[in-house]
C-alpha atoms as a PDB file:
ATOM      1  CA  MET A   1     -24.560   7.035  13.991  1.00  0.00           C
ATOM      2  CA  ASP A   2     -23.676   9.357  11.940  1.00  0.00           C
ATOM      3  CA  ARG A   3     -20.238   8.427   9.893  1.00  0.00           C
ATOM      4  CA  ASP A   4     -18.192  11.588  11.071  1.00  0.00           C
ATOM      5  CA  HIS A   5     -19.107  10.856  14.524  1.00  0.00           C
ATOM      6  CA  VAL A   6     -15.568  10.257  16.168  1.00  0.00           C
ATOM      7  CA  GLN A   7     -14.965   8.819  19.732  1.00  0.00           C
ATOM      8  CA  ARG A   8     -12.162   8.387  22.067  1.00  0.00           C
ATOM      9  CA  ARG A   9     -11.520   5.489  23.647  1.00  0.00           C
ATOM     10  CA  GLY A  10      -7.679   5.887  24.558  1.00  0.00           C
ATOM     11  CA  GLU A  11      -5.722   6.319  22.119  1.00  0.00           C
ATOM     12  CA  ALA A  12      -7.847   4.510  19.662  1.00  0.00           C
ATOM     13  CA  LEU A  13     -10.515   6.994  17.447  1.00  0.00           C
ATOM     14  CA  SER A  14     -13.399   4.733  16.139  1.00  0.00           C
ATOM     15  CA  ALA A  15     -15.483   5.470  13.197  1.00  0.00           C
ATOM     16  CA  ARG A  16     -18.553   3.080  12.744  1.00  0.00           C
ATOM     17  CA  ALA A  17     -22.030   3.905  10.833  1.00  0.00           C
ATOM     18  CA  ALA A  18     -24.640   1.073  11.165  1.00  0.00           C
ATOM     19  CA  GLY A  19     -24.726  -1.193   7.785  1.00  0.00           C
ATOM     20  CA  GLU A  20     -21.725  -0.773   6.388  1.00  0.00           C
ATOM     21  CA  ARG A  21     -18.311  -3.760   6.083  1.00  0.00           C
ATOM     22  CA  GLY A  22     -15.594  -3.114   7.892  1.00  0.00           C
ATOM     23  CA  THR A  23     -13.550  -3.760  10.717  1.00  0.00           C
ATOM     24  CA  GLY A  24     -15.322  -3.790  14.289  1.00  0.00           C
ATOM     25  CA  ASP A  25     -14.076   0.006  14.360  1.00  0.00           C
ATOM     26  CA  GLY A  26     -15.679   0.599  11.731  1.00  0.00           C
ATOM     27  CA  TYR A  27     -12.901   0.686   9.008  1.00  0.00           C
ATOM     28  CA  ASP A  28     -12.050  -1.377   5.845  1.00  0.00           C
ATOM     29  CA  ARG A  29      -8.613  -2.522   5.731  1.00  0.00           C
ATOM     30  CA  LEU A  30      -6.518   0.437   7.185  1.00  0.00           C
ATOM     31  CA  MET A  31      -3.039   0.653   5.855  1.00  0.00           C
ATOM     32  CA  GLY A  32      -1.810   3.590   6.425  1.00  0.00           C
ATOM     33  CA  VAL A  33      -1.318   7.132   8.556  1.00  0.00           C
ATOM     34  CA  ALA A  34       0.440  10.412   8.607  1.00  0.00           C
ATOM     35  CA  LEU A  35       0.837  13.519  10.602  1.00  0.00           C
ATOM     36  CA  ALA A  36       0.163  16.644   9.269  1.00  0.00           C
ATOM     37  CA  PRO A  37       1.579  19.809  10.351  1.00  0.00           C
ATOM     38  CA  GLY A  38      -1.572  21.840  10.798  1.00  0.00           C
ATOM     39  CA  GLY A  39      -2.776  18.352  13.560  1.00  0.00           C
ATOM     40  CA  ALA A  40      -4.498  16.589  10.563  1.00  0.00           C
ATOM     41  CA  ALA A  41      -3.772  13.271  10.333  1.00  0.00           C
ATOM     42  CA  TYR A  42      -4.145  11.012   7.363  1.00  0.00           C
ATOM     43  CA  PHE A  43      -5.159   7.925   6.723  1.00  0.00           C
ATOM     44  CA  ALA A  44      -6.044   5.332   3.919  1.00  0.00           C
ATOM     45  CA  GLU A  45      -8.995   2.558   3.562  1.00  0.00           C
ATOM     46  CA  SER A  46      -7.848  -0.066   1.611  1.00  0.00           C
ATOM     47  CA  GLY A  47     -11.139  -1.508   1.456  1.00  0.00           C
ATOM     48  CA  THR A  48     -13.216   0.931   0.289  1.00  0.00           C
ATOM     49  CA  GLY A  49     -10.147   3.206  -2.200  1.00  0.00           C
ATOM     50  CA  ARG A  50     -11.102   6.477   0.842  1.00  0.00           C
ATOM     51  CA  VAL A  51      -8.911   8.652   2.657  1.00  0.00           C
ATOM     52  CA  LEU A  52     -10.135  10.284   5.306  1.00  0.00           C
ATOM     53  CA  SER A  53      -8.747  12.780   7.642  1.00  0.00           C
ATOM     54  CA  VAL A  54      -8.798  12.572  11.496  1.00  0.00           C
ATOM     55  CA  GLU A  55      -8.700  16.499  13.030  1.00  0.00           C
ATOM     56  CA  ALA A  56     -10.437  17.308  16.660  1.00  0.00           C
ATOM     57  CA  GLY A  57     -12.646  14.743  16.800  1.00  0.00           C
ATOM     58  CA  GLN A  58     -14.143  14.745  12.932  1.00  0.00           C
ATOM     59  CA  VAL A  59     -13.735  12.448   9.971  1.00  0.00           C
ATOM     60  CA  THR A  60     -13.010  14.232   6.846  1.00  0.00           C
ATOM     61  CA  GLU A  61     -13.339  12.127   3.673  1.00  0.00           C
ATOM     62  CA  LEU A  62     -10.324  13.664   1.261  1.00  0.00           C
ATOM     63  CA  ALA A  63     -10.746  10.902  -1.532  1.00  0.00           C
ATOM     64  CA  SER A  64     -12.421   8.112  -1.841  1.00  0.00           C
ATOM     65  CA  GLY A  65     -13.012   5.881  -6.007  1.00  0.00           C
ATOM     66  CA  LEU A  66      -8.598   5.377  -5.823  1.00  0.00           C
ATOM     67  CA  ASP A  67      -7.331   2.176  -6.249  1.00  0.00           C
ATOM     68  CA  LYS A  68      -6.384   0.112  -3.738  1.00  0.00           C
ATOM     69  CA  PRO A  69      -4.267   2.959  -1.462  1.00  0.00           C
ATOM     70  CA  MET A  70      -1.922   1.659   0.407  1.00  0.00           C
ATOM     71  CA  GLY A  71       0.266   4.265   2.328  1.00  0.00           C
ATOM     72  CA  VAL A  72      -0.047   8.242   2.784  1.00  0.00           C
ATOM     73  CA  ALA A  73       2.227  10.893   3.453  1.00  0.00           C
ATOM     74  CA  ALA A  74       2.051  15.017   4.829  1.00  0.00           C
ATOM     75  CA  GLY A  75       4.698  17.335   3.202  1.00  0.00           C
ATOM     76  CA  ARG A  76       5.006  20.307   4.768  1.00  0.00           C
ATOM     77  CA  ASP A  77       2.654  22.166   3.040  1.00  0.00           C
ATOM     78  CA  GLY A  78      -0.403  19.820   4.607  1.00  0.00           C
ATOM     79  CA  ILE A  79      -0.773  18.426   0.865  1.00  0.00           C
ATOM     80  CA  CYS A  80      -1.898  14.390   1.861  1.00  0.00           C
ATOM     81  CA  TYR A  81      -0.030  12.015  -0.557  1.00  0.00           C
ATOM     82  CA  VAL A  82      -0.794   8.959  -1.311  1.00  0.00           C
ATOM     83  CA  ALA A  83       0.561   5.466  -3.040  1.00  0.00           C
ATOM     84  CA  GLU A  84      -2.259   4.194  -4.871  1.00  0.00           C
ATOM     85  CA  SER A  85      -0.854   0.482  -5.017  1.00  0.00           C
ATOM     86  CA  GLY A  86      -3.714  -0.411  -7.322  1.00  0.00           C
ATOM     87  CA  ALA A  87      -2.712   1.657 -10.153  1.00  0.00           C
ATOM     88  CA  GLY A  88       0.873   1.781  -9.150  1.00  0.00           C
ATOM     89  CA  ARG A  89       0.990   5.707  -8.788  1.00  0.00           C
ATOM     90  CA  VAL A  90       1.380   8.621  -6.255  1.00  0.00           C
ATOM     91  CA  VAL A  91      -1.232  11.088  -6.344  1.00  0.00           C
ATOM     92  CA  LYS A  92      -1.487  14.507  -4.274  1.00  0.00           C
ATOM     93  CA  LEU A  93      -4.362  14.615  -2.954  1.00  0.00           C
ATOM     94  CA  VAL A  94      -5.175  18.756  -3.936  1.00  0.00           C
ATOM     95  CA  GLY A  95      -8.698  20.283  -3.648  1.00  0.00           C
ATOM     96  CA  ALA A  96     -11.501  17.126  -5.039  1.00  0.00           C
ATOM     97  CA  ARG A  97      -9.880  14.981  -7.504  1.00  0.00           C
ATOM     98  CA  PRO A  98      -6.568  13.270  -6.128  1.00  0.00           C
ATOM     99  CA  LYS A  99      -3.961  14.143  -8.705  1.00  0.00           C
ATOM    100  CA  PRO A 100      -0.583  12.206 -10.379  1.00  0.00           C
ATOM    101  CA  CYS A 101       2.618  13.341  -8.945  1.00  0.00           C
ATOM    102  CA  SER A 102       5.635  13.239 -11.693  1.00  0.00           C
ATOM    103  CA  MET A 103       8.808  11.338 -10.234  1.00  0.00           C
ATOM    104  CA  ALA A 104      11.041  13.267 -12.226  1.00  0.00           C
END
């Protein structure tokens, strides 16, 4: 099964890919979830350093290579913010590259 294929089972979403490590649902250490105003759900996959989005039954990778993403939040404008615990910073996901946020 393709990683982008999602199945609904009650309230659970699962994404499986043959040979990938992770939990029974195919994910590796999910650490946070946030709902965006447009209906997408963002979540951090700490074990792989990725942030994923689920919308209309499709899983999309928003970012990869993050250092232990632990939590996510969605701004009113739908921008995804991620607490990157391994790097001790918060990044916002805009376009293809995570950008550090200023706390000023």
